[in-house]
Amino acid sequence: MKSKVAIVKSRNIIENVVNALELIDAKSIISLDDRVLIKPNLLEVHNAYSGYTTKPEVIRGIIRFLKGIGVKDMVVAEGSNSDTKKCAEYSDILNVVEHEGVRFVDLNYDETTVVKIPDHLCMPEVRVANTVLDSDIMISAPVLKTHLYATVTLSLKNMMGVLINDESPVKLDKKIIHPEFWGPGDYERMGREHSIKAISDADKRIADLISAARPHIAVIDAITGIEGNGPSSGDIVNKLDTIIAGNDPVATDVVGSAYMGIDAKRIGHIMMAGKKGLGETEISNIELYGVPLDEVKRNFRLPDFIAHHPDWFDWARSF
């Protein structure tokens, strides 16, 4: 299937979402009897317009699109780093879900299954929430953000929420994905070679996770964005008013990265996902619809650590 990505920009968020999904012909991917899971980004407790969480109107737009094509069975599900239900309440997503008559599932309280990962890069198996595994179609709906160690966090990294928080009843640590270090102090302590190994292993684990829980559709909330030291300590970029949607989440993240002025060939987990055959990484091979990318893209400020080490990306180019 040809990778299709749509960029839609206007002040009406719900219409943006519906129009973008129509442009990529999302209907052709979904059968009416499919169970569809919508995975927002609810990392921590933030209000709806903090820039850190998926906008409630984006979730409403996805639900409205699905209802419009006749889908009956859908669920909004997330496993946050804190109290997921409180995250959903503060972001107003829980209100949208209840108003639309859709179920909300806190994945941190879900039953889980160990999934073996074929041809793994770094992680031979992973424990995934059953609500995710029982779904026929997954829609990843992240926020457009830079990220301290992954450079960007878009539809692929958003799937970390299908793992279980270590504070949940079953005590499984989703931080298995994270690298062994988090900031420049550790970089100086460990040195470049060990630091790159830690980060590249984390990127490999993200790609392995996508092998086990690959979303079918991506809807990136670029109504606002986060630049600098994201995902949760960066600066909000307002008035972008854009939705980026695609039938190939890898390709969608390539376009989302380009929207931020970042070449996806410099982002390890995107290139590794492409190497595993999980999606298209060459932007020239992606069919683009809607507003031309050159008309809307802008240069996001990189995380401080990455900006201070411009040769940091060299290791990723081999993929």
Foldseek 3Di string as FASTA:
>chain_A
DFKAKEKAFDQQQLVQLLVRCVVQVVVVVDDQAFAEEEEWQLADADAQPPLQTFHLSNVLSVLVNSVVSRRDHYEYEFAYQDPVVNSCVRSVNVVSCVVSVHYYYHQQAADWDKDAFPPADQDRIAIFGVVLVRGPAYEFEYEWEQAQQQRTDFRLNSVLRRHHPCPRPVRDHSCVLAFPDGDPVVCVVVDLVVVLVRSLSSLSVSLSVCSVRPHQKYKYPVQKYFFAHDDPPGDIGHRLRMIMMIRQVLLSVCLSCVLQVHHCLLGQNSVSNVVVVRGDRDNVSYHYDYDDSVVRGDHGHTYPRCVVPVCSSVVSNVD
